[in-house]
Amino acid sequence: MRFALLSDVHANIQALDACLAHARAQQAQGFVFLGDMVGYGADPGAVVDRIMQLTEEGALAIQGNHDAMAVTPPVEIKTVGDSTAAWTHHELMPDQRDWISRLPLTVQHESALFVHASANDPHLWRYVYDARAAKDSLEGAAAWPGVHYVFGGHVHLQTLYYQGAGGNLMPFAPQPGISIPVGKHRKWLATVGSAGQPRDGNTHAMYALFDIGRAQLTFHRVAYDHLAAAAAIRRVGLHEFFADRLEKGR
């Protein structure tokens, strides 16, 4: 089965729809949403509706830190992140907030574990920025028997880590559209990047396709109307910083 893995959509409906269309054209048979559906972007309600509908059709979804903040926003606004959480909370309908609040922090499907941040205490939202953090996450995933693959987001970058000689993890920078064999003779961890808020200087949305039968992983970049997404942020009155970020891909 071929899964499309999407993370950090961040209320960007233009990016979500572009990634879904691209994945369907690549014969994706299932979808997994790795958290942070909302926060920062202008269309949290539309994004949650789209993902809720897909879960009714069999898609998997887990909760991210910005999803949790949208359900229970900070009492005191200290940062622009706090302000977007409060705004998102009021934009979502009660049934949408209730659905988000009941999402798990991890889901296992066969030999794959899906988690937003590190599998090592997922509720602490640790970032997997380097090989050391990836090793901690893979070791944390040992609590789920039979796991050979850990897929997450949170860091807004696409990186694949594989277990080399001596058990240390090695980072690998994937090329978009190039399939990578990920056999079960090793353990693997991948951060699939951000669909709705890329931060590597490239405005194109990120996601990955995992063919669990063939043991192949393919990272993708997808062009979308990022200027429309930025304009929507300005139109609803969110902080200018979030619109600028989409226009620059940083």
C-alpha atoms as a PDB file:
ATOM      1  CA  MET A   1       0.000   0.000   0.000  1.00  0.00           C
ATOM      2  CA  ARG A   2       1.233   3.477  -0.859  1.00  0.00           C
ATOM      3  CA  PHE A   3       0.721   6.142   1.833  1.00  0.00           C
ATOM      4  CA  ALA A   4       1.012   9.907   1.386  1.00  0.00           C
ATOM      5  CA  LEU A   5       2.568  11.347   4.550  1.00  0.00           C
ATOM      6  CA  LEU A   6       1.722  15.002   5.226  1.00  0.00           C
ATOM      7  CA  SER A   7       2.721  17.117   8.212  1.00  0.00           C
ATOM      8  CA  ASP A   8       2.563  20.727   9.353  1.00  0.00           C
ATOM      9  CA  VAL A   9      -0.184  21.844   6.988  1.00  0.00           C
ATOM     10  CA  HIS A  10      -0.648  24.859   9.285  1.00  0.00           C
ATOM     11  CA  ALA A  11      -4.080  25.902   8.047  1.00  0.00           C
ATOM     12  CA  ASN A  12      -2.826  26.346   4.478  1.00  0.00           C
ATOM     13  CA  ILE A  13      -5.698  25.004   2.352  1.00  0.00           C
ATOM     14  CA  GLN A  14      -3.975  25.911  -0.929  1.00  0.00           C
ATOM     15  CA  ALA A  15      -0.930  23.788  -0.058  1.00  0.00           C
ATOM     16  CA  LEU A  16      -3.036  20.923   1.310  1.00  0.00           C
ATOM     17  CA  ASP A  17      -5.170  20.658  -1.817  1.00  0.00           C
ATOM     18  CA  ALA A  18      -2.096  20.800  -4.077  1.00  0.00           C
ATOM     19  CA  CYS A  19      -0.379  18.000  -2.134  1.00  0.00           C
ATOM     20  CA  LEU A  20      -3.511  15.840  -2.119  1.00  0.00           C
ATOM     21  CA  ALA A  21      -3.901  16.238  -5.886  1.00  0.00           C
ATOM     22  CA  HIS A  22      -0.213  15.446  -6.467  1.00  0.00           C
ATOM     23  CA  ALA A  23      -0.364  12.384  -4.204  1.00  0.00           C
ATOM     24  CA  ARG A  24      -3.468  11.045  -5.930  1.00  0.00           C
ATOM     25  CA  ALA A  25      -1.695  11.458  -9.294  1.00  0.00           C
ATOM     26  CA  GLN A  26       1.132   9.346  -7.824  1.00  0.00           C
ATOM     27  CA  GLN A  27      -1.417   6.596  -7.005  1.00  0.00           C
ATOM     28  CA  ALA A  28      -1.460   7.186  -3.262  1.00  0.00           C
ATOM     29  CA  GLN A  29      -3.871   4.711  -1.681  1.00  0.00           C
ATOM     30  CA  GLY A  30      -3.944   6.143   1.833  1.00  0.00           C
ATOM     31  CA  PHE A  31      -3.151   9.346   3.706  1.00  0.00           C
ATOM     32  CA  VAL A  32      -1.467   9.954   7.056  1.00  0.00           C
ATOM     33  CA  PHE A  33      -1.530  13.399   8.676  1.00  0.00           C
ATOM     34  CA  LEU A  34       1.354  13.828  11.089  1.00  0.00           C
ATOM     35  CA  GLY A  35       0.078  16.740  13.151  1.00  0.00           C
ATOM     36  CA  ASP A  36       0.004  20.542  13.185  1.00  0.00           C
ATOM     37  CA  MET A  37      -2.955  20.785  10.857  1.00  0.00           C
ATOM     38  CA  VAL A  38      -3.600  24.303  12.149  1.00  0.00           C
ATOM     39  CA  GLY A  39      -1.762  27.353  13.454  1.00  0.00           C
ATOM     40  CA  TYR A  40      -0.163  30.222  11.483  1.00  0.00           C
ATOM     41  CA  GLY A  41      -2.469  29.973   8.437  1.00  0.00           C
ATOM     42  CA  ALA A  42      -5.757  31.589   7.438  1.00  0.00           C
ATOM     43  CA  ASP A  43      -8.005  28.559   6.850  1.00  0.00           C
ATOM     44  CA  PRO A  44      -8.023  26.256   9.901  1.00  0.00           C
ATOM     45  CA  GLY A  45     -11.698  25.350   9.546  1.00  0.00           C
ATOM     46  CA  ALA A  46     -11.410  24.325   5.897  1.00  0.00           C
ATOM     47  CA  VAL A  47      -8.244  22.305   6.537  1.00  0.00           C
ATOM     48  CA  VAL A  48      -9.734  20.441   9.507  1.00  0.00           C
ATOM     49  CA  ASP A  49     -12.915  19.714   7.548  1.00  0.00           C
ATOM     50  CA  ARG A  50     -10.876  18.288   4.657  1.00  0.00           C
ATOM     51  CA  ILE A  51      -8.804  16.051   6.952  1.00  0.00           C
ATOM     52  CA  MET A  52     -11.828  14.970   9.022  1.00  0.00           C
ATOM     53  CA  GLN A  53     -13.523  13.842   5.810  1.00  0.00           C
ATOM     54  CA  LEU A  54     -10.444  11.884   4.739  1.00  0.00           C
ATOM     55  CA  THR A  55     -10.240  10.116   8.126  1.00  0.00           C
ATOM     56  CA  GLU A  56     -13.854   9.016   7.641  1.00  0.00           C
ATOM     57  CA  GLU A  57     -12.605   7.387   4.422  1.00  0.00           C
ATOM     58  CA  GLY A  58      -9.741   5.624   6.226  1.00  0.00           C
ATOM     59  CA  ALA A  59      -6.958   8.197   6.569  1.00  0.00           C
ATOM     60  CA  LEU A  60      -4.924   8.324   9.786  1.00  0.00           C
ATOM     61  CA  ALA A  61      -4.322  11.521  11.770  1.00  0.00           C
ATOM     62  CA  ILE A  62      -2.368  12.383  14.885  1.00  0.00           C
ATOM     63  CA  GLN A  63      -2.147  15.511  17.010  1.00  0.00           C
ATOM     64  CA  GLY A  64       0.677  18.078  16.914  1.00  0.00           C
ATOM     65  CA  ASN A  65       1.650  20.806  19.328  1.00  0.00           C
ATOM     66  CA  HIS A  66      -0.142  23.559  17.386  1.00  0.00           C
ATOM     67  CA  ASP A  67      -3.290  21.437  17.256  1.00  0.00           C
ATOM     68  CA  ALA A  68      -3.151  21.093  21.048  1.00  0.00           C
ATOM     69  CA  MET A  69      -2.590  24.851  21.411  1.00  0.00           C
ATOM     70  CA  ALA A  70      -5.619  25.573  19.227  1.00  0.00           C
ATOM     71  CA  VAL A  71      -7.793  23.411  21.486  1.00  0.00           C
ATOM     72  CA  THR A  72      -6.423  24.976  24.676  1.00  0.00           C
ATOM     73  CA  PRO A  73      -4.810  28.320  23.785  1.00  0.00           C
ATOM     74  CA  PRO A  74      -2.505  30.108  26.226  1.00  0.00           C
ATOM     75  CA  VAL A  75      -4.328  32.300  28.742  1.00  0.00           C
ATOM     76  CA  GLU A  76      -1.750  35.056  28.348  1.00  0.00           C
ATOM     77  CA  ILE A  77      -0.592  36.151  24.878  1.00  0.00           C
ATOM     78  CA  LYS A  78       3.209  36.503  24.910  1.00  0.00           C
ATOM     79  CA  THR A  79       4.261  35.523  21.372  1.00  0.00           C
ATOM     80  CA  VAL A  80       2.902  35.676  17.828  1.00  0.00           C
ATOM     81  CA  GLY A  81       2.483  31.909  18.114  1.00  0.00           C
ATOM     82  CA  ASP A  82       0.233  32.411  21.136  1.00  0.00           C
ATOM     83  CA  SER A  83      -1.827  34.958  19.226  1.00  0.00           C
ATOM     84  CA  THR A  84      -2.391  32.673  16.239  1.00  0.00           C
ATOM     85  CA  ALA A  85      -3.393  29.844  18.612  1.00  0.00           C
ATOM     86  CA  ALA A  86      -6.040  32.064  20.221  1.00  0.00           C
ATOM     87  CA  TRP A  87      -7.300  33.213  16.806  1.00  0.00           C
ATOM     88  CA  THR A  88      -7.427  29.624  15.531  1.00  0.00           C
ATOM     89  CA  HIS A  89      -9.340  28.493  18.640  1.00  0.00           C
ATOM     90  CA  HIS A  90     -12.125  30.974  17.875  1.00  0.00           C
ATOM     91  CA  GLU A  91     -12.159  30.114  14.158  1.00  0.00           C
ATOM     92  CA  LEU A  92     -12.711  26.382  14.766  1.00  0.00           C
ATOM     93  CA  MET A  93     -16.173  25.034  15.489  1.00  0.00           C
ATOM     94  CA  PRO A  94     -16.745  23.136  18.766  1.00  0.00           C
ATOM     95  CA  ASP A  95     -17.041  19.798  16.939  1.00  0.00           C
ATOM     96  CA  GLN A  96     -13.730  20.453  15.149  1.00  0.00           C
ATOM     97  CA  ARG A  97     -11.964  21.251  18.445  1.00  0.00           C
ATOM     98  CA  ASP A  98     -13.474  18.150  20.022  1.00  0.00           C
ATOM     99  CA  TRP A  99     -12.259  15.986  17.119  1.00  0.00           C
ATOM    100  CA  ILE A 100      -8.734  17.413  17.399  1.00  0.00           C
ATOM    101  CA  SER A 101      -8.675  16.917  21.177  1.00  0.00           C
ATOM    102  CA  ARG A 102      -9.378  13.194  20.746  1.00  0.00           C
ATOM    103  CA  LEU A 103      -6.576  12.553  18.240  1.00  0.00           C
ATOM    104  CA  PRO A 104      -3.753  10.288  19.460  1.00  0.00           C
ATOM    105  CA  LEU A 105      -0.111  11.392  19.684  1.00  0.00           C
ATOM    106  CA  THR A 106       1.103   8.228  17.926  1.00  0.00           C
ATOM    107  CA  VAL A 107      -0.298   5.600  15.570  1.00  0.00           C
ATOM    108  CA  GLN A 108       1.365   2.333  14.560  1.00  0.00           C
ATOM    109  CA  HIS A 109       0.538   0.687  11.229  1.00  0.00           C
ATOM    110  CA  GLU A 110       2.356  -2.596  10.699  1.00  0.00           C
ATOM    111  CA  SER A 111       6.101  -1.768  10.880  1.00  0.00           C
ATOM    112  CA  ALA A 112       5.620   2.033  10.762  1.00  0.00           C
ATOM    113  CA  LEU A 113       5.149   4.419  13.678  1.00  0.00           C
ATOM    114  CA  PHE A 114       3.671   7.856  13.008  1.00  0.00           C
ATOM    115  CA  VAL A 115       4.406  10.674  15.478  1.00  0.00           C
ATOM    116  CA  HIS A 116       4.529  14.464  15.165  1.00  0.00           C
ATOM    117  CA  ALA A 117       7.790  15.075  17.064  1.00  0.00           C
ATOM    118  CA  SER A 118      10.096  12.546  18.762  1.00  0.00           C
ATOM    119  CA  ALA A 119       8.821   9.097  19.679  1.00  0.00           C
ATOM    120  CA  ASN A 120      10.803   9.569  22.881  1.00  0.00           C
ATOM    121  CA  ASP A 121       8.022  11.043  25.074  1.00  0.00           C
ATOM    122  CA  PRO A 122       5.856  12.405  22.207  1.00  0.00           C
ATOM    123  CA  HIS A 123       3.948  14.781  24.522  1.00  0.00           C
ATOM    124  CA  LEU A 124       7.143  16.804  25.108  1.00  0.00           C
ATOM    125  CA  TRP A 125       7.270  17.774  21.394  1.00  0.00           C
ATOM    126  CA  ARG A 126      11.035  17.306  21.104  1.00  0.00           C
ATOM    127  CA  TYR A 127      12.495  18.345  17.736  1.00  0.00           C
ATOM    128  CA  VAL A 128      14.372  15.783  15.627  1.00  0.00           C
ATOM    129  CA  TYR A 129      16.931  18.151  14.130  1.00  0.00           C
ATOM    130  CA  ASP A 130      20.003  15.899  14.057  1.00  0.00           C
ATOM    131  CA  ALA A 131      21.260  12.315  14.206  1.00  0.00           C
ATOM    132  CA  ARG A 132      21.431  12.314  17.996  1.00  0.00           C
ATOM    133  CA  ALA A 133      17.781  13.337  18.349  1.00  0.00           C
ATOM    134  CA  ALA A 134      16.829  10.837  15.638  1.00  0.00           C
ATOM    135  CA  LYS A 135      18.592   8.073  17.580  1.00  0.00           C
ATOM    136  CA  ASP A 136      16.690   9.035  20.737  1.00  0.00           C
ATOM    137  CA  SER A 137      13.430   8.915  18.796  1.00  0.00           C
ATOM    138  CA  LEU A 138      14.165   5.502  17.278  1.00  0.00           C
ATOM    139  CA  GLU A 139      15.141   4.166  20.708  1.00  0.00           C
ATOM    140  CA  GLY A 140      11.873   5.550  22.072  1.00  0.00           C
ATOM    141  CA  ALA A 141      10.015   3.746  19.283  1.00  0.00           C
ATOM    142  CA  ALA A 142      11.262   0.438  20.700  1.00  0.00           C
ATOM    143  CA  ALA A 143       8.237   0.653  23.016  1.00  0.00           C
ATOM    144  CA  TRP A 144       6.150  -0.273  19.946  1.00  0.00           C
ATOM    145  CA  PRO A 145       7.066  -3.873  18.955  1.00  0.00           C
ATOM    146  CA  GLY A 146       7.963  -4.525  15.329  1.00  0.00           C
ATOM    147  CA  VAL A 147       8.608  -0.901  14.326  1.00  0.00           C
ATOM    148  CA  HIS A 148      11.248  -0.410  11.601  1.00  0.00           C
ATOM    149  CA  TYR A 149      10.145   3.032  10.422  1.00  0.00           C
ATOM    150  CA  VAL A 150       9.405   6.247  12.331  1.00  0.00           C
ATOM    151  CA  PHE A 151       7.782   9.083  10.373  1.00  0.00           C
ATOM    152  CA  GLY A 152       7.267  12.581  11.752  1.00  0.00           C
ATOM    153  CA  GLY A 153       7.257  16.282  11.034  1.00  0.00           C
ATOM    154  CA  HIS A 154       7.633  19.246  13.407  1.00  0.00           C
ATOM    155  CA  VAL A 155      11.013  20.450  12.031  1.00  0.00           C
ATOM    156  CA  HIS A 156       9.702  21.620   8.607  1.00  0.00           C
ATOM    157  CA  LEU A 157      12.641  19.937   6.831  1.00  0.00           C
ATOM    158  CA  GLN A 158      12.939  16.746   4.786  1.00  0.00           C
ATOM    159  CA  THR A 159      15.615  14.400   6.118  1.00  0.00           C
ATOM    160  CA  LEU A 160      16.043  10.633   6.176  1.00  0.00           C
ATOM    161  CA  TYR A 161      18.121   8.977   8.896  1.00  0.00           C
ATOM    162  CA  TYR A 162      19.296   5.374   8.594  1.00  0.00           C
ATOM    163  CA  GLN A 163      21.004   3.074  11.029  1.00  0.00           C
ATOM    164  CA  GLY A 164      24.633   2.518  10.052  1.00  0.00           C
ATOM    165  CA  ALA A 165      27.411   0.338  11.409  1.00  0.00           C
ATOM    166  CA  GLY A 166      27.598   0.412  15.198  1.00  0.00           C
ATOM    167  CA  GLY A 167      23.977   1.494  15.506  1.00  0.00           C
ATOM    168  CA  ASN A 168      24.633   5.201  14.932  1.00  0.00           C
ATOM    169  CA  LEU A 169      22.223   7.089  12.717  1.00  0.00           C
ATOM    170  CA  MET A 170      23.352   8.791   9.515  1.00  0.00           C
ATOM    171  CA  PRO A 171      21.457  11.717   7.928  1.00  0.00           C
ATOM    172  CA  PHE A 172      20.592  11.660   4.238  1.00  0.00           C
ATOM    173  CA  ALA A 173      19.307  14.646   2.237  1.00  0.00           C
ATOM    174  CA  PRO A 174      16.675  13.288  -0.201  1.00  0.00           C
ATOM    175  CA  GLN A 175      16.147  14.563  -3.733  1.00  0.00           C
ATOM    176  CA  PRO A 176      12.519  15.297  -4.676  1.00  0.00           C
ATOM    177  CA  GLY A 177      10.892  12.616  -6.784  1.00  0.00           C
ATOM    178  CA  ILE A 178      13.709  10.064  -6.372  1.00  0.00           C
ATOM    179  CA  SER A 179      12.570   6.824  -4.722  1.00  0.00           C
ATOM    180  CA  ILE A 180      14.789   5.523  -1.926  1.00  0.00           C
ATOM    181  CA  PRO A 181      14.874   1.817  -0.996  1.00  0.00           C
ATOM    182  CA  VAL A 182      14.250   1.502   2.751  1.00  0.00           C
ATOM    183  CA  GLY A 183      14.531  -2.220   3.449  1.00  0.00           C
ATOM    184  CA  LYS A 184      13.697  -3.720   6.818  1.00  0.00           C
ATOM    185  CA  HIS A 185      17.292  -4.870   7.305  1.00  0.00           C
ATOM    186  CA  ARG A 186      17.782  -1.370   8.802  1.00  0.00           C
ATOM    187  CA  LYS A 187      15.749   0.973  10.976  1.00  0.00           C
ATOM    188  CA  TRP A 188      14.773   4.318   9.466  1.00  0.00           C
ATOM    189  CA  LEU A 189      13.492   7.680  10.631  1.00  0.00           C
ATOM    190  CA  ALA A 190      12.190  10.360   8.286  1.00  0.00           C
ATOM    191  CA  THR A 191      10.972  13.902   8.789  1.00  0.00           C
ATOM    192  CA  VAL A 192       8.653  14.531   5.857  1.00  0.00           C
ATOM    193  CA  GLY A 193       8.812  18.336   5.898  1.00  0.00           C
ATOM    194  CA  SER A 194       6.018  20.886   6.052  1.00  0.00           C
ATOM    195  CA  ALA A 195       3.184  20.959   3.549  1.00  0.00           C
ATOM    196  CA  GLY A 196       1.976  24.385   4.594  1.00  0.00           C
ATOM    197  CA  GLN A 197       5.010  26.305   5.808  1.00  0.00           C
ATOM    198  CA  PRO A 198       8.346  25.307   4.173  1.00  0.00           C
ATOM    199  CA  ARG A 199      11.383  26.940   5.789  1.00  0.00           C
ATOM    200  CA  ASP A 200      14.297  25.936   3.554  1.00  0.00           C
ATOM    201  CA  GLY A 201      14.103  28.847   1.118  1.00  0.00           C
ATOM    202  CA  ASN A 202      11.871  26.954  -1.324  1.00  0.00           C
ATOM    203  CA  THR A 203       8.187  27.919  -1.390  1.00  0.00           C
ATOM    204  CA  HIS A 204       7.042  24.525  -2.696  1.00  0.00           C
ATOM    205  CA  ALA A 205       5.015  22.348  -0.311  1.00  0.00           C
ATOM    206  CA  MET A 206       6.583  19.181   1.093  1.00  0.00           C
ATOM    207  CA  TYR A 207       5.281  15.669   1.630  1.00  0.00           C
ATOM    208  CA  ALA A 208       6.445  12.059   1.173  1.00  0.00           C
ATOM    209  CA  LEU A 209       5.103   8.824  -0.283  1.00  0.00           C
ATOM    210  CA  PHE A 210       5.807   5.560   1.530  1.00  0.00           C
ATOM    211  CA  ASP A 211       5.230   2.325  -0.358  1.00  0.00           C
ATOM    212  CA  ILE A 212       5.169  -0.150   2.488  1.00  0.00           C
ATOM    213  CA  GLY A 213       4.974  -3.212   0.220  1.00  0.00           C
ATOM    214  CA  ARG A 214       7.969  -2.257  -1.923  1.00  0.00           C
ATOM    215  CA  ALA A 215       9.810  -0.626   1.035  1.00  0.00           C
ATOM    216  CA  GLN A 216      10.356   2.606  -0.914  1.00  0.00           C
ATOM    217  CA  LEU A 217      10.184   6.201   0.285  1.00  0.00           C
ATOM    218  CA  THR A 218       9.899   9.182  -2.064  1.00  0.00           C
ATOM    219  CA  PHE A 219      10.036  12.807  -0.948  1.00  0.00           C
ATOM    220  CA  HIS A 220       8.162  15.361  -3.021  1.00  0.00           C
ATOM    221  CA  ARG A 221       8.008  19.154  -3.477  1.00  0.00           C
ATOM    222  CA  VAL A 222       4.806  20.610  -4.917  1.00  0.00           C
ATOM    223  CA  ALA A 223       4.252  24.068  -6.388  1.00  0.00           C
ATOM    224  CA  TYR A 224       1.075  25.738  -5.170  1.00  0.00           C
ATOM    225  CA  ASP A 225      -0.435  29.227  -5.036  1.00  0.00           C
ATOM    226  CA  HIS A 226       1.600  30.414  -2.053  1.00  0.00           C
ATOM    227  CA  LEU A 227       0.834  34.052  -2.878  1.00  0.00           C
ATOM    228  CA  ALA A 228      -2.891  33.356  -2.438  1.00  0.00           C
ATOM    229  CA  ALA A 229      -2.175  31.672   0.907  1.00  0.00           C
ATOM    230  CA  ALA A 230      -0.135  34.698   2.009  1.00  0.00           C
ATOM    231  CA  ALA A 231      -2.867  37.087   0.862  1.00  0.00           C
ATOM    232  CA  ALA A 232      -5.421  35.123   2.891  1.00  0.00           C
ATOM    233  CA  ILE A 233      -3.283  35.549   6.023  1.00  0.00           C
ATOM    234  CA  ARG A 234      -3.211  39.315   5.523  1.00  0.00           C
ATOM    235  CA  ARG A 235      -6.945  39.404   4.764  1.00  0.00           C
ATOM    236  CA  VAL A 236      -7.913  37.785   8.095  1.00  0.00           C
ATOM    237  CA  GLY A 237      -5.543  40.034  10.047  1.00  0.00           C
ATOM    238  CA  LEU A 238      -2.969  37.522  11.261  1.00  0.00           C
ATOM    239  CA  HIS A 239       0.600  38.718  11.826  1.00  0.00           C
ATOM    240  CA  GLU A 240       2.418  39.881   8.677  1.00  0.00           C
ATOM    241  CA  PHE A 241       5.328  37.592   9.571  1.00  0.00           C
ATOM    242  CA  PHE A 242       3.336  34.482   8.634  1.00  0.00           C
ATOM    243  CA  ALA A 243       2.484  35.859   5.185  1.00  0.00           C
ATOM    244  CA  ASP A 244       6.086  36.926   4.547  1.00  0.00           C
ATOM    245  CA  ARG A 245       7.250  33.459   5.505  1.00  0.00           C
ATOM    246  CA  LEU A 246       5.123  31.791   2.831  1.00  0.00           C
ATOM    247  CA  GLU A 247       6.339  34.232   0.175  1.00  0.00           C
ATOM    248  CA  LYS A 248       9.989  33.541   1.030  1.00  0.00           C
ATOM    249  CA  GLY A 249       9.767  29.877   2.008  1.00  0.00           C
ATOM    250  CA  ARG A 250      11.486  30.705   5.312  1.00  0.00           C
END
